[in-house]
Amino acid sequence: SAFRQQIKSKGLEYHELTKAPLYLFVGKNSPLYRKK
């Protein structure tokens, strides 16, 4: 909502291509590395 309001004030528009989930990226030293 804040993003669309900001770009509208600048004469811009947004076109969505797709949606996706968030991920946590970790290396082998992370205590969460083996989590699914």
Full PDB file with SEQRES, HELIX, SHEET, SSBOND, CRYST1, ORIGX, SCALE, CONECT and MASTER records, all heavy atoms in Angstrom:
SEQRES   1 A   36  SER ALA PHE ARG GLN GLN ILE LYS SER LYS GLY LEU GLU          
SEQRES   2 A   36  TYR HIS GLU LEU THR LYS ALA PRO LEU TYR LEU PHE VAL          
SEQRES   3 A   36  GLY LYS ASN SER PRO LEU TYR ARG LYS LYS                      
HELIX    1 AA1 ALA A    2  SER A    9  1                                   8    
CRYST1    1.000    1.000    1.000  90.00  90.00  90.00 P 1           1          
ORIGX1      1.000000  0.000000  0.000000        0.00000                         
ORIGX2      0.000000  1.000000  0.000000        0.00000                         
ORIGX3      0.000000  0.000000  1.000000        0.00000                         
SCALE1      1.000000  0.000000  0.000000        0.00000                         
SCALE2      0.000000  1.000000  0.000000        0.00000                         
SCALE3      0.000000  0.000000  1.000000        0.00000                         
ATOM      1  N   SER A   1       0.828  -1.208   0.000  1.00  0.00           N  
ATOM      2  CA  SER A   1       0.000   0.000   0.000  1.00  0.00           C  
ATOM      3  C   SER A   1       0.863   1.259   0.000  1.00  0.00           C  
ATOM      4  O   SER A   1       0.638   2.184  -0.791  1.00  0.00           O  
ATOM      5  CB  SER A   1      -0.935   0.012   1.216  1.00  0.00           C  
ATOM      6  OG  SER A   1      -1.701   1.198   1.244  1.00  0.00           O  
ATOM      7  N   ALA A   2       1.890   1.291   0.871  1.00  0.00           N  
ATOM      8  CA  ALA A   2       2.785   2.453   0.936  1.00  0.00           C  
ATOM      9  C   ALA A   2       3.581   2.581  -0.355  1.00  0.00           C  
ATOM     10  O   ALA A   2       3.819   3.700  -0.841  1.00  0.00           O  
ATOM     11  CB  ALA A   2       3.734   2.316   2.128  1.00  0.00           C  
ATOM     12  N   PHE A   3       3.986   1.446  -0.920  1.00  0.00           N  
ATOM     13  CA  PHE A   3       4.744   1.446  -2.174  1.00  0.00           C  
ATOM     14  C   PHE A   3       3.919   2.035  -3.315  1.00  0.00           C  
ATOM     15  O   PHE A   3       4.376   2.912  -4.053  1.00  0.00           O  
ATOM     16  CB  PHE A   3       5.173   0.013  -2.500  1.00  0.00           C  
ATOM     17  CG  PHE A   3       5.737  -0.166  -3.879  1.00  0.00           C  
ATOM     18  CD1 PHE A   3       7.002   0.313  -4.198  1.00  0.00           C  
ATOM     19  CD2 PHE A   3       5.008  -0.822  -4.861  1.00  0.00           C  
ATOM     20  CE1 PHE A   3       7.530   0.151  -5.472  1.00  0.00           C  
ATOM     21  CE2 PHE A   3       5.530  -1.000  -6.134  1.00  0.00           C  
ATOM     22  CZ  PHE A   3       6.794  -0.508  -6.437  1.00  0.00           C  
ATOM     23  N   ARG A   4       2.679   1.571  -3.460  1.00  0.00           N  
ATOM     24  CA  ARG A   4       1.825   2.069  -4.548  1.00  0.00           C  
ATOM     25  C   ARG A   4       1.532   3.558  -4.387  1.00  0.00           C  
ATOM     26  O   ARG A   4       1.477   4.305  -5.369  1.00  0.00           O  
ATOM     27  CB  ARG A   4       0.518   1.268  -4.596  1.00  0.00           C  
ATOM     28  CG  ARG A   4       0.698  -0.152  -5.123  1.00  0.00           C  
ATOM     29  CD  ARG A   4      -0.654  -0.791  -5.417  1.00  0.00           C  
ATOM     30  NE  ARG A   4      -0.537  -2.166  -5.890  1.00  0.00           N  
ATOM     31  CZ  ARG A   4      -0.300  -2.506  -7.144  1.00  0.00           C  
ATOM     32  NH1 ARG A   4      -0.149  -1.552  -8.075  1.00  0.00           N  
ATOM     33  NH2 ARG A   4      -0.222  -3.776  -7.507  1.00  0.00           N  
ATOM     34  N   GLN A   5       1.347   3.989  -3.163  1.00  0.00           N  
ATOM     35  CA  GLN A   5       1.082   5.406  -2.918  1.00  0.00           C  
ATOM     36  C   GLN A   5       2.288   6.260  -3.304  1.00  0.00           C  
ATOM     37  O   GLN A   5       2.144   7.334  -3.898  1.00  0.00           O  
ATOM     38  CB  GLN A   5       0.732   5.625  -1.442  1.00  0.00           C  
ATOM     39  CG  GLN A   5       0.330   7.052  -1.112  1.00  0.00           C  
ATOM     40  CD  GLN A   5      -0.110   7.202   0.338  1.00  0.00           C  
ATOM     41  OE1 GLN A   5      -0.117   6.238   1.108  1.00  0.00           O  
ATOM     42  NE2 GLN A   5      -0.488   8.404   0.723  1.00  0.00           N  
ATOM     43  N   GLN A   6       3.467   5.763  -2.980  1.00  0.00           N  
ATOM     44  CA  GLN A   6       4.683   6.518  -3.287  1.00  0.00           C  
ATOM     45  C   GLN A   6       4.920   6.629  -4.787  1.00  0.00           C  
ATOM     46  O   GLN A   6       5.232   7.708  -5.304  1.00  0.00           O  
ATOM     47  CB  GLN A   6       5.888   5.873  -2.615  1.00  0.00           C  
ATOM     48  CG  GLN A   6       7.178   6.663  -2.816  1.00  0.00           C  
ATOM     49  CD  GLN A   6       8.332   6.123  -2.015  1.00  0.00           C  
ATOM     50  OE1 GLN A   6       9.476   6.070  -2.480  1.00  0.00           O  
ATOM     51  NE2 GLN A   6       8.075   5.715  -0.786  1.00  0.00           N  
ATOM     52  N   ILE A   7       4.775   5.532  -5.515  1.00  0.00           N  
ATOM     53  CA  ILE A   7       5.055   5.595  -6.948  1.00  0.00           C  
ATOM     54  C   ILE A   7       3.969   6.368  -7.691  1.00  0.00           C  
ATOM     55  O   ILE A   7       4.237   7.015  -8.705  1.00  0.00           O  
ATOM     56  CB  ILE A   7       5.247   4.190  -7.562  1.00  0.00           C  
ATOM     57  CG1 ILE A   7       3.971   3.364  -7.495  1.00  0.00           C  
ATOM     58  CG2 ILE A   7       6.399   3.465  -6.898  1.00  0.00           C  
ATOM     59  CD1 ILE A   7       4.045   2.066  -8.283  1.00  0.00           C  
ATOM     60  N   LYS A   8       2.735   6.330  -7.185  1.00  0.00           N  
ATOM     61  CA  LYS A   8       1.643   7.085  -7.820  1.00  0.00           C  
ATOM     62  C   LYS A   8       1.943   8.574  -7.793  1.00  0.00           C  
ATOM     63  O   LYS A   8       1.677   9.296  -8.765  1.00  0.00           O  
ATOM     64  CB  LYS A   8       0.320   6.795  -7.111  1.00  0.00           C  
ATOM     65  CG  LYS A   8      -0.874   7.500  -7.746  1.00  0.00           C  
ATOM     66  CD  LYS A   8      -2.166   7.155  -7.009  1.00  0.00           C  
ATOM     67  CE  LYS A   8      -3.350   7.885  -7.635  1.00  0.00           C  
ATOM     68  NZ  LYS A   8      -4.625   7.573  -6.914  1.00  0.00           N  
ATOM     69  N   SER A   9       2.518   9.045  -6.676  1.00  0.00           N  
ATOM     70  CA  SER A   9       2.839  10.471  -6.549  1.00  0.00           C  
ATOM     71  C   SER A   9       3.930  10.901  -7.517  1.00  0.00           C  
ATOM     72  O   SER A   9       4.111  12.089  -7.776  1.00  0.00           O  
ATOM     73  CB  SER A   9       3.267  10.789  -5.108  1.00  0.00           C  
ATOM     74  OG  SER A   9       4.528  10.199  -4.803  1.00  0.00           O  
ATOM     75  N   LYS A  10       4.670   9.932  -8.061  1.00  0.00           N  
ATOM     76  CA  LYS A  10       5.749  10.234  -9.004  1.00  0.00           C  
ATOM     77  C   LYS A  10       5.362   9.905 -10.450  1.00  0.00           C  
ATOM     78  O   LYS A  10       6.219   9.903 -11.335  1.00  0.00           O  
ATOM     79  CB  LYS A  10       7.011   9.455  -8.617  1.00  0.00           C  
ATOM     80  CG  LYS A  10       7.600   9.884  -7.276  1.00  0.00           C  
ATOM     81  CD  LYS A  10       8.869   9.121  -6.966  1.00  0.00           C  
ATOM     82  CE  LYS A  10       9.472   9.572  -5.645  1.00  0.00           C  
ATOM     83  NZ  LYS A  10       9.921  10.974  -5.674  1.00  0.00           N  
ATOM     84  N   GLY A  11       4.080   9.625 -10.667  1.00  0.00           N  
ATOM     85  CA  GLY A  11       3.629   9.339 -12.021  1.00  0.00           C  
ATOM     86  C   GLY A  11       4.061   7.977 -12.530  1.00  0.00           C  
ATOM     87  O   GLY A  11       4.199   7.775 -13.733  1.00  0.00           O  
ATOM     88  N   LEU A  12       4.258   7.021 -11.620  1.00  0.00           N  
ATOM     89  CA  LEU A  12       4.689   5.677 -11.989  1.00  0.00           C  
ATOM     90  C   LEU A  12       3.574   4.675 -11.704  1.00  0.00           C  
ATOM     91  O   LEU A  12       2.656   4.953 -10.936  1.00  0.00           O  
ATOM     92  CB  LEU A  12       5.947   5.280 -11.207  1.00  0.00           C  
ATOM     93  CG  LEU A  12       7.129   6.242 -11.239  1.00  0.00           C  
ATOM     94  CD1 LEU A  12       8.239   5.735 -10.330  1.00  0.00           C  
ATOM     95  CD2 LEU A  12       7.623   6.444 -12.656  1.00  0.00           C  
ATOM     96  N   GLU A  13       3.659   3.516 -12.306  1.00  0.00           N  
ATOM     97  CA  GLU A  13       2.702   2.452 -12.032  1.00  0.00           C  
ATOM     98  C   GLU A  13       3.443   1.125 -11.909  1.00  0.00           C  
ATOM     99  O   GLU A  13       4.521   0.940 -12.475  1.00  0.00           O  
ATOM    100  CB  GLU A  13       1.639   2.373 -13.126  1.00  0.00           C  
ATOM    101  CG  GLU A  13       2.176   2.124 -14.524  1.00  0.00           C  
ATOM    102  CD  GLU A  13       1.089   2.180 -15.590  1.00  0.00           C  
ATOM    103  OE1 GLU A  13      -0.026   2.656 -15.279  1.00  0.00           O  
ATOM    104  OE2 GLU A  13       1.364   1.750 -16.739  1.00  0.00           O  
ATOM    105  N   TYR A  14       2.833   0.202 -11.172  1.00  0.00           N  
ATOM    106  CA  TYR A  14       3.452  -1.100 -10.894  1.00  0.00           C  
ATOM    107  C   TYR A  14       2.662  -2.212 -11.561  1.00  0.00           C  
ATOM    108  O   TYR A  14       1.432  -2.228 -11.518  1.00  0.00           O  
ATOM    109  CB  TYR A  14       3.496  -1.346  -9.384  1.00  0.00           C  
ATOM    110  CG  TYR A  14       4.034  -2.707  -8.982  1.00  0.00           C  
ATOM    111  CD1 TYR A  14       5.369  -3.021  -9.179  1.00  0.00           C  
ATOM    112  CD2 TYR A  14       3.202  -3.664  -8.408  1.00  0.00           C  
ATOM    113  CE1 TYR A  14       5.869  -4.270  -8.819  1.00  0.00           C  
ATOM    114  CE2 TYR A  14       3.698  -4.906  -8.039  1.00  0.00           C  
ATOM    115  CZ  TYR A  14       5.036  -5.200  -8.246  1.00  0.00           C  
ATOM    116  OH  TYR A  14       5.527  -6.434  -7.887  1.00  0.00           O  
ATOM    117  N   HIS A  15       3.388  -3.134 -12.196  1.00  0.00           N  
ATOM    118  CA  HIS A  15       2.775  -4.296 -12.831  1.00  0.00           C  
ATOM    119  C   HIS A  15       3.383  -5.552 -12.228  1.00  0.00           C  
ATOM    120  O   HIS A  15       4.587  -5.786 -12.341  1.00  0.00           O  
ATOM    121  CB  HIS A  15       3.013  -4.268 -14.341  1.00  0.00           C  
ATOM    122  CG  HIS A  15       2.389  -3.098 -15.026  1.00  0.00           C  
ATOM    123  ND1 HIS A  15       1.160  -3.166 -15.641  1.00  0.00           N  
ATOM    124  CD2 HIS A  15       2.816  -1.817 -15.166  1.00  0.00           C  
ATOM    125  CE1 HIS A  15       0.859  -1.978 -16.153  1.00  0.00           C  
ATOM    126  NE2 HIS A  15       1.845  -1.150 -15.886  1.00  0.00           N  
ATOM    127  N   GLU A  16       2.545  -6.357 -11.602  1.00  0.00           N  
ATOM    128  CA  GLU A  16       3.032  -7.583 -10.970  1.00  0.00           C  
ATOM    129  C   GLU A  16       3.245  -8.684 -12.001  1.00  0.00           C  
ATOM    130  O   GLU A  16       2.427  -8.875 -12.905  1.00  0.00           O  
ATOM    131  CB  GLU A  16       2.036  -8.046  -9.914  1.00  0.00           C  
ATOM    132  CG  GLU A  16       2.480  -9.283  -9.145  1.00  0.00           C  
ATOM    133  CD  GLU A  16       1.483  -9.693  -8.096  1.00  0.00           C  
ATOM    134  OE1 GLU A  16       1.520  -9.114  -6.976  1.00  0.00           O  
ATOM    135  OE2 GLU A  16       0.652 -10.581  -8.389  1.00  0.00           O  
ATOM    136  N   LEU A  17       4.340  -9.410 -11.863  1.00  0.00           N  
ATOM    137  CA  LEU A  17       4.628 -10.556 -12.720  1.00  0.00           C  
ATOM    138  C   LEU A  17       4.305 -11.875 -12.036  1.00  0.00           C  
ATOM    139  O   LEU A  17       3.792 -12.803 -12.649  1.00  0.00           O  
ATOM    140  CB  LEU A  17       6.102 -10.543 -13.143  1.00  0.00           C  
ATOM    141  CG  LEU A  17       6.509  -9.428 -14.113  1.00  0.00           C  
ATOM    142  CD1 LEU A  17       8.018  -9.396 -14.266  1.00  0.00           C  
ATOM    143  CD2 LEU A  17       5.845  -9.616 -15.467  1.00  0.00           C  
ATOM    144  N   THR A  18       4.604 -11.960 -10.742  1.00  0.00           N  
ATOM    145  CA  THR A  18       4.333 -13.187  -9.997  1.00  0.00           C  
ATOM    146  C   THR A  18       4.439 -12.917  -8.507  1.00  0.00           C  
ATOM    147  O   THR A  18       4.863 -11.836  -8.087  1.00  0.00           O  
ATOM    148  CB  THR A  18       5.324 -14.302 -10.402  1.00  0.00           C  
ATOM    149  OG1 THR A  18       4.927 -15.529  -9.811  1.00  0.00           O  
ATOM    150  CG2 THR A  18       6.743 -13.962  -9.974  1.00  0.00           C  
ATOM    151  N   LYS A  19       4.051 -13.908  -7.713  1.00  0.00           N  
ATOM    152  CA  LYS A  19       4.188 -13.842  -6.257  1.00  0.00           C  
ATOM    153  C   LYS A  19       5.068 -14.999  -5.796  1.00  0.00           C  
ATOM    154  O   LYS A  19       5.164 -16.031  -6.470  1.00  0.00           O  
ATOM    155  CB  LYS A  19       2.827 -13.932  -5.569  1.00  0.00           C  
ATOM    156  CG  LYS A  19       1.992 -12.659  -5.612  1.00  0.00           C  
ATOM    157  CD  LYS A  19       0.777 -12.821  -4.711  1.00  0.00           C  
ATOM    158  CE  LYS A  19       0.047 -11.494  -4.549  1.00  0.00           C  
ATOM    159  NZ  LYS A  19      -0.697 -11.130  -5.758  1.00  0.00           N  
ATOM    160  N   ALA A  20       5.688 -14.818  -4.642  1.00  0.00           N  
ATOM    161  CA  ALA A  20       6.588 -15.860  -4.135  1.00  0.00           C  
ATOM    162  C   ALA A  20       6.680 -15.780  -2.615  1.00  0.00           C  
ATOM    163  O   ALA A  20       6.351 -14.755  -2.013  1.00  0.00           O  
ATOM    164  CB  ALA A  20       7.977 -15.689  -4.740  1.00  0.00           C  
ATOM    165  N   PRO A  21       7.131 -16.853  -1.975  1.00  0.00           N  
ATOM    166  CA  PRO A  21       7.304 -16.852  -0.518  1.00  0.00           C  
ATOM    167  C   PRO A  21       8.664 -16.297  -0.096  1.00  0.00           C  
ATOM    168  O   PRO A  21       9.538 -16.064  -0.932  1.00  0.00           O  
ATOM    169  CB  PRO A  21       7.204 -18.333  -0.173  1.00  0.00           C  
ATOM    170  CG  PRO A  21       7.759 -19.023  -1.387  1.00  0.00           C  
ATOM    171  CD  PRO A  21       7.337 -18.181  -2.562  1.00  0.00           C  
ATOM    172  N   LEU A  22       8.820 -16.110   1.198  1.00  0.00           N  
ATOM    173  CA  LEU A  22      10.104 -15.711   1.776  1.00  0.00           C  
ATOM    174  C   LEU A  22      10.915 -16.951   2.149  1.00  0.00           C  
ATOM    175  O   LEU A  22      10.355 -17.990   2.493  1.00  0.00           O  
ATOM    176  CB  LEU A  22       9.889 -14.869   3.033  1.00  0.00           C  
ATOM    177  CG  LEU A  22       9.543 -13.393   2.873  1.00  0.00           C  
ATOM    178  CD1 LEU A  22       9.317 -12.781   4.245  1.00  0.00           C  
ATOM    179  CD2 LEU A  22      10.645 -12.651   2.148  1.00  0.00           C  
ATOM    180  N   TYR A  23      12.234 -16.779   2.100  1.00  0.00           N  
ATOM    181  CA  TYR A  23      13.143 -17.856   2.503  1.00  0.00           C  
ATOM    182  C   TYR A  23      14.187 -17.302   3.471  1.00  0.00           C  
ATOM    183  O   TYR A  23      14.526 -16.111   3.424  1.00  0.00           O  
ATOM    184  CB  TYR A  23      13.866 -18.446   1.296  1.00  0.00           C  
ATOM    185  CG  TYR A  23      13.037 -19.409   0.480  1.00  0.00           C  
ATOM    186  CD1 TYR A  23      12.098 -18.945  -0.425  1.00  0.00           C  
ATOM    187  CD2 TYR A  23      13.209 -20.788   0.609  1.00  0.00           C  
ATOM    188  CE1 TYR A  23      11.332 -19.828  -1.185  1.00  0.00           C  
ATOM    189  CE2 TYR A  23      12.455 -21.683  -0.146  1.00  0.00           C  
ATOM    190  CZ  TYR A  23      11.521 -21.192  -1.040  1.00  0.00           C  
ATOM    191  OH  TYR A  23      10.772 -22.058  -1.779  1.00  0.00           O  
ATOM    192  N   LEU A  24      14.689 -18.173   4.305  1.00  0.00           N  
ATOM    193  CA  LEU A  24      15.855 -17.868   5.131  1.00  0.00           C  
ATOM    194  C   LEU A  24      17.044 -18.572   4.497  1.00  0.00           C  
ATOM    195  O   LEU A  24      17.015 -19.793   4.284  1.00  0.00           O  
ATOM    196  CB  LEU A  24      15.667 -18.360   6.561  1.00  0.00           C  
ATOM    197  CG  LEU A  24      16.906 -18.251   7.463  1.00  0.00           C  
ATOM    198  CD1 LEU A  24      17.229 -16.785   7.753  1.00  0.00           C  
ATOM    199  CD2 LEU A  24      16.710 -19.027   8.768  1.00  0.00           C  
ATOM    200  N   PHE A  25      18.089 -17.815   4.184  1.00  0.00           N  
ATOM    201  CA  PHE A  25      19.291 -18.379   3.578  1.00  0.00           C  
ATOM    202  C   PHE A  25      20.368 -18.519   4.648  1.00  0.00           C  
ATOM    203  O   PHE A  25      20.714 -17.535   5.314  1.00  0.00           O  
ATOM    204  CB  PHE A  25      19.777 -17.478   2.442  1.00  0.00           C  
ATOM    205  CG  PHE A  25      18.800 -17.379   1.306  1.00  0.00           C  
ATOM    206  CD1 PHE A  25      17.833 -16.387   1.291  1.00  0.00           C  
ATOM    207  CD2 PHE A  25      18.829 -18.284   0.267  1.00  0.00           C  
ATOM    208  CE1 PHE A  25      16.916 -16.295   0.261  1.00  0.00           C  
ATOM    209  CE2 PHE A  25      17.921 -18.211  -0.773  1.00  0.00           C  
ATOM    210  CZ  PHE A  25      16.957 -17.212  -0.776  1.00  0.00           C  
ATOM    211  N   VAL A  26      20.884 -19.733   4.818  1.00  0.00           N  
ATOM    212  CA  VAL A  26      21.887 -19.986   5.851  1.00  0.00           C  
ATOM    213  C   VAL A  26      22.972 -20.919   5.327  1.00  0.00           C  
ATOM    214  O   VAL A  26      22.750 -21.705   4.404  1.00  0.00           O  
ATOM    215  CB  VAL A  26      21.267 -20.607   7.129  1.00  0.00           C  
ATOM    216  CG1 VAL A  26      20.334 -19.620   7.813  1.00  0.00           C  
ATOM    217  CG2 VAL A  26      20.544 -21.898   6.795  1.00  0.00           C  
ATOM    218  N   GLY A  27      24.153 -20.814   5.943  1.00  0.00           N  
ATOM    219  CA  GLY A  27      25.249 -21.717   5.652  1.00  0.00           C  
ATOM    220  C   GLY A  27      25.351 -22.800   6.712  1.00  0.00           C  
ATOM    221  O   GLY A  27      24.555 -22.847   7.660  1.00  0.00           O  
ATOM    222  N   LYS A  28      26.358 -23.660   6.597  1.00  0.00           N  
ATOM    223  CA  LYS A  28      26.483 -24.809   7.488  1.00  0.00           C  
ATOM    224  C   LYS A  28      26.790 -24.423   8.934  1.00  0.00           C  
ATOM    225  O   LYS A  28      26.648 -25.245   9.847  1.00  0.00           O  
ATOM    226  CB  LYS A  28      27.564 -25.754   6.959  1.00  0.00           C  
ATOM    227  CG  LYS A  28      27.171 -26.401   5.632  1.00  0.00           C  
ATOM    228  CD  LYS A  28      28.232 -27.366   5.130  1.00  0.00           C  
ATOM    229  CE  LYS A  28      27.790 -28.010   3.812  1.00  0.00           C  
ATOM    230  NZ  LYS A  28      28.801 -28.952   3.270  1.00  0.00           N  
ATOM    231  N   ASN A  29      27.229 -23.178   9.159  1.00  0.00           N  
ATOM    232  CA  ASN A  29      27.524 -22.751  10.526  1.00  0.00           C  
ATOM    233  C   ASN A  29      26.287 -22.264  11.272  1.00  0.00           C  
ATOM    234  O   ASN A  29      26.356 -21.937  12.451  1.00  0.00           O  
ATOM    235  CB  ASN A  29      28.571 -21.630  10.515  1.00  0.00           C  
ATOM    236  CG  ASN A  29      29.933 -22.120  10.079  1.00  0.00           C  
ATOM    237  OD1 ASN A  29      30.366 -23.196  10.497  1.00  0.00           O  
ATOM    238  ND2 ASN A  29      30.606 -21.372   9.237  1.00  0.00           N  
ATOM    239  N   SER A  30      25.171 -22.191  10.590  1.00  0.00           N  
ATOM    240  CA  SER A  30      23.939 -21.726  11.232  1.00  0.00           C  
ATOM    241  C   SER A  30      23.283 -22.858  12.018  1.00  0.00           C  
ATOM    242  O   SER A  30      23.224 -24.001  11.547  1.00  0.00           O  
ATOM    243  CB  SER A  30      22.961 -21.210  10.177  1.00  0.00           C  
ATOM    244  OG  SER A  30      21.679 -20.995  10.758  1.00  0.00           O  
ATOM    245  N   PRO A  31      22.752 -22.550  13.202  1.00  0.00           N  
ATOM    246  CA  PRO A  31      22.055 -23.582  13.986  1.00  0.00           C  
ATOM    247  C   PRO A  31      20.761 -24.049  13.317  1.00  0.00           C  
ATOM    248  O   PRO A  31      20.200 -25.077  13.702  1.00  0.00           O  
ATOM    249  CB  PRO A  31      21.762 -22.869  15.311  1.00  0.00           C  
ATOM    250  CG  PRO A  31      21.790 -21.411  14.984  1.00  0.00           C  
ATOM    251  CD  PRO A  31      22.820 -21.264  13.910  1.00  0.00           C  
ATOM    252  N   LEU A  32      20.299 -23.327  12.295  1.00  0.00           N  
ATOM    253  CA  LEU A  32      19.054 -23.684  11.616  1.00  0.00           C  
ATOM    254  C   LEU A  32      19.297 -24.422  10.296  1.00  0.00           C  
ATOM    255  O   LEU A  32      18.345 -24.725   9.571  1.00  0.00           O  
ATOM    256  CB  LEU A  32      18.222 -22.424  11.346  1.00  0.00           C  
ATOM    257  CG  LEU A  32      17.820 -21.592  12.563  1.00  0.00           C  
ATOM    258  CD1 LEU A  32      17.044 -20.359  12.126  1.00  0.00           C  
ATOM    259  CD2 LEU A  32      16.991 -22.424  13.533  1.00  0.00           C  
ATOM    260  N   TYR A  33      20.541 -24.734  10.008  1.00  0.00           N  
ATOM    261  CA  TYR A  33      20.897 -25.262   8.684  1.00  0.00           C  
ATOM    262  C   TYR A  33      20.135 -26.536   8.328  1.00  0.00           C  
ATOM    263  O   TYR A  33      19.767 -26.745   7.168  1.00  0.00           O  
ATOM    264  CB  TYR A  33      22.405 -25.529   8.618  1.00  0.00           C  
ATOM    265  CG  TYR A  33      22.876 -26.019   7.270  1.00  0.00           C  
ATOM    266  CD1 TYR A  33      23.019 -25.127   6.202  1.00  0.00           C  
ATOM    267  CD2 TYR A  33      23.168 -27.371   7.041  1.00  0.00           C  
ATOM    268  CE1 TYR A  33      23.444 -25.561   4.955  1.00  0.00           C  
ATOM    269  CE2 TYR A  33      23.594 -27.810   5.800  1.00  0.00           C  
ATOM    270  CZ  TYR A  33      23.727 -26.903   4.764  1.00  0.00           C  
ATOM    271  OH  TYR A  33      24.141 -27.343   3.525  1.00  0.00           O  
ATOM    272  N   ARG A  34      19.879 -27.395   9.278  1.00  0.00           N  
ATOM    273  CA  ARG A  34      19.239 -28.684   8.985  1.00  0.00           C  
ATOM    274  C   ARG A  34      17.713 -28.616   9.034  1.00  0.00           C  
ATOM    275  O   ARG A  34      17.033 -29.626   8.830  1.00  0.00           O  
ATOM    276  CB  ARG A  34      19.749 -29.763   9.949  1.00  0.00           C  
ATOM    277  CG  ARG A  34      21.253 -29.990   9.814  1.00  0.00           C  
ATOM    278  CD  ARG A  34      21.724 -31.216  10.576  1.00  0.00           C  
ATOM    279  NE  ARG A  34      23.160 -31.408  10.427  1.00  0.00           N  
ATOM    280  CZ  ARG A  34      23.739 -31.957   9.366  1.00  0.00           C  
ATOM    281  NH1 ARG A  34      23.002 -32.389   8.364  1.00  0.00           N  
ATOM    282  NH2 ARG A  34      25.047 -32.087   9.312  1.00  0.00           N  
ATOM    283  N   LYS A  35      17.178 -27.458   9.265  1.00  0.00           N  
ATOM    284  CA  LYS A  35      15.726 -27.304   9.307  1.00  0.00           C  
ATOM    285  C   LYS A  35      15.134 -27.393   7.900  1.00  0.00           C  
ATOM    286  O   LYS A  35      15.708 -26.893   6.937  1.00  0.00           O  
ATOM    287  CB  LYS A  35      15.354 -25.956   9.922  1.00  0.00           C  
ATOM    288  CG  LYS A  35      15.750 -25.787  11.382  1.00  0.00           C  
ATOM    289  CD  LYS A  35      14.778 -26.521  12.283  1.00  0.00           C  
ATOM    290  CE  LYS A  35      15.073 -26.231  13.749  1.00  0.00           C  
ATOM    291  NZ  LYS A  35      14.129 -26.932  14.650  1.00  0.00           N  
ATOM    292  N   LYS A  36      13.965 -28.031   7.796  1.00  0.00           N  
ATOM    293  CA  LYS A  36      13.272 -28.093   6.505  1.00  0.00           C  
ATOM    294  C   LYS A  36      12.414 -26.858   6.278  1.00  0.00           C  
ATOM    295  O   LYS A  36      12.128 -26.478   5.147  1.00  0.00           O  
ATOM    296  CB  LYS A  36      12.413 -29.355   6.438  1.00  0.00           C  
ATOM    297  CG  LYS A  36      13.228 -30.641   6.398  1.00  0.00           C  
ATOM    298  CD  LYS A  36      12.327 -31.850   6.246  1.00  0.00           C  
ATOM    299  CE  LYS A  36      13.165 -33.128   6.166  1.00  0.00           C  
ATOM    300  NZ  LYS A  36      12.310 -34.338   6.021  1.00  0.00           N  
TER     301      LYS A  36                                                      
MASTER        0    0    0    1    0    0    0    6  300    1    0    3          
END                                                                             
